[in-house]
């Protein structure tokens, strides 16, 4: 189970690092044109803030455990992603974009598994 949690956390970290960097480097118009229509509802500042949160979560899923410095940050980062993906799914459903909402819910579930595993039976302190 520990290996599965590492794999899930690594996969989430790669996804959210890429997504966060993209949100920081591209304009709102370019993001909307490339398929992120839900971002049209948000200001450029909010989009940049979401990008920063995604990057911080990606780093928080891996670095604390690898460096053995405050490994409790791993499940906290996962909880942050659960909240972020809940908001993303709600925003997609408000736009009637069910396909994207499903992707957000899948990412939410994966982050919840990491949070559960790292807070519970497979924590780094046990």
Protein backbone atom coordinates (compact mmCIF):
# COMPACT_ATOMS: atom_id res chain seq x y z
CA UNK A 1 0.00 0.00 0.00
CA UNK A 2 2.90 2.35 0.73
CA UNK A 3 4.13 1.94 -2.86
CA UNK A 4 0.66 2.61 -4.23
CA UNK A 5 0.44 5.81 -2.17
CA UNK A 6 3.82 6.94 -3.50
CA UNK A 7 2.74 6.23 -7.08
CA UNK A 8 -0.55 8.12 -6.66
CA UNK A 9 1.19 11.05 -4.96
CA UNK A 10 3.82 11.14 -7.72
CA UNK A 11 1.20 11.07 -10.44
CA UNK A 12 -0.77 13.85 -8.77
CA UNK A 13 2.41 15.88 -8.27
CA UNK A 14 3.30 15.68 -11.97
CA UNK A 15 -0.24 16.58 -13.06
CA UNK A 16 -0.57 19.54 -10.72
CA UNK A 17 2.95 20.83 -11.27
CA UNK A 18 2.31 20.92 -15.03
CA UNK A 19 -1.13 22.45 -14.59
CA UNK A 20 0.10 25.07 -12.14
CA UNK A 21 3.05 26.10 -14.29
CA UNK A 22 0.74 26.38 -17.30
CA UNK A 23 -1.64 28.63 -15.37
CA UNK A 24 1.24 30.85 -14.29
CA UNK A 25 2.87 31.15 -17.69
CA UNK A 26 -0.09 31.43 -20.07
CA UNK A 27 -2.65 34.19 -20.38
CA UNK A 28 -6.26 33.64 -19.45
CA UNK A 29 -7.28 33.92 -23.11
CA UNK A 30 -4.78 31.27 -24.19
CA UNK A 31 -5.90 28.91 -21.42
CA UNK A 32 -9.58 29.33 -22.33
CA UNK A 33 -8.80 28.80 -26.02
CA UNK A 34 -6.85 25.62 -25.25
CA UNK A 35 -9.82 23.94 -23.57
CA UNK A 36 -10.00 25.40 -20.08
CA UNK A 37 -13.32 27.13 -20.72
CA UNK A 38 -14.20 27.09 -17.02
CA UNK A 39 -11.37 29.56 -16.38
CA UNK A 40 -13.30 32.17 -18.35
CA UNK A 41 -15.36 32.71 -15.17
CA UNK A 42 -12.27 33.75 -13.17
CA UNK A 43 -10.04 36.81 -13.18
CA UNK A 44 -6.42 36.46 -14.31
CA UNK A 45 -5.30 37.00 -10.70
CA UNK A 46 -7.44 34.13 -9.43
CA UNK A 47 -6.13 31.88 -12.20
CA UNK A 48 -2.54 32.71 -11.17
CA UNK A 49 -3.43 32.02 -7.52
CA UNK A 50 -4.87 28.62 -8.48
CA UNK A 51 -1.65 27.91 -10.36
CA UNK A 52 0.44 28.76 -7.29
CA UNK A 53 -1.76 26.51 -5.11
CA UNK A 54 -1.37 23.64 -7.57
CA UNK A 55 2.42 24.01 -7.59
CA UNK A 56 2.56 24.17 -3.80
CA UNK A 57 0.39 21.05 -3.55
CA UNK A 58 2.62 19.20 -6.04
CA UNK A 59 5.71 20.07 -4.02
CA UNK A 60 3.93 19.25 -0.76
CA UNK A 61 2.95 15.78 -1.94
CA UNK A 62 6.56 14.71 -2.48
CA UNK A 63 9.26 16.89 -0.93
CA UNK A 64 8.40 16.66 2.80
CA UNK A 65 8.44 12.86 2.69
CA UNK A 66 11.56 12.60 0.54
CA UNK A 67 13.49 15.03 2.73
CA UNK A 68 11.90 13.69 5.95
CA UNK A 69 11.14 17.26 7.01
CA UNK A 70 7.60 17.68 8.38
CA UNK A 71 6.13 14.70 6.51
CA UNK A 72 2.70 15.61 7.92
CA UNK A 73 2.63 18.16 5.09
CA UNK A 74 2.03 15.33 2.59
CA UNK A 75 -1.52 14.50 3.73
CA UNK A 76 -2.20 18.21 4.31
CA UNK A 77 -1.23 18.92 0.70
CA UNK A 78 -3.53 16.09 -0.37
CA UNK A 79 -6.40 17.61 1.64
CA UNK A 80 -5.69 20.94 -0.07
CA UNK A 81 -6.01 19.22 -3.44
CA UNK A 82 -9.29 17.62 -2.37
CA UNK A 83 -10.66 21.08 -1.60
CA UNK A 84 -9.26 22.56 -4.81
CA UNK A 85 -10.74 19.76 -6.93
CA UNK A 86 -14.11 20.04 -5.16
CA UNK A 87 -14.19 23.70 -6.14
CA UNK A 88 -13.11 22.86 -9.69
CA UNK A 89 -15.80 20.20 -10.03
CA UNK A 90 -18.46 22.61 -8.78
CA UNK A 91 -17.29 25.29 -11.20
CA UNK A 92 -17.45 22.79 -14.08
CA UNK A 93 -20.91 21.58 -13.10
CA UNK A 94 -22.17 25.18 -12.95
CA UNK A 95 -21.03 25.50 -16.59
CA UNK A 96 -22.66 22.14 -17.39
CA UNK A 97 -19.28 20.63 -18.29
CA UNK A 98 -19.81 17.13 -16.92
CA UNK A 99 -16.76 15.57 -18.64
CA UNK A 100 -14.33 17.93 -16.97
CA UNK A 101 -16.17 17.62 -13.67
CA UNK A 102 -15.65 13.85 -13.79
CA UNK A 103 -11.91 14.33 -14.29
CA UNK A 104 -11.85 16.69 -11.31
CA UNK A 105 -13.73 14.17 -9.17
CA UNK A 106 -11.27 11.41 -10.14
CA UNK A 107 -8.35 13.64 -9.10
CA UNK A 108 -10.26 14.49 -5.90
CA UNK A 109 -10.66 10.79 -5.08
CA UNK A 110 -6.96 10.09 -5.73
CA UNK A 111 -5.95 12.98 -3.47
CA UNK A 112 -8.39 11.73 -0.81
CA UNK A 113 -6.78 8.28 -0.95
CA UNK A 114 -3.36 9.85 -0.34
CA UNK A 115 -4.73 11.94 2.54
CA UNK A 116 -6.44 8.92 4.09
CA UNK A 117 -3.38 6.69 3.70
CA UNK A 118 -0.86 9.21 4.98
CA UNK A 119 -2.98 10.41 7.90
CA UNK A 120 -4.05 6.88 8.75
CA UNK A 121 -2.61 3.41 8.39
CA UNK A 122 0.39 4.31 6.23
CA UNK A 123 1.58 7.53 7.79
CA UNK A 124 5.27 8.34 7.72
CA UNK A 125 5.39 8.35 11.52
CA UNK A 126 4.15 4.80 12.01
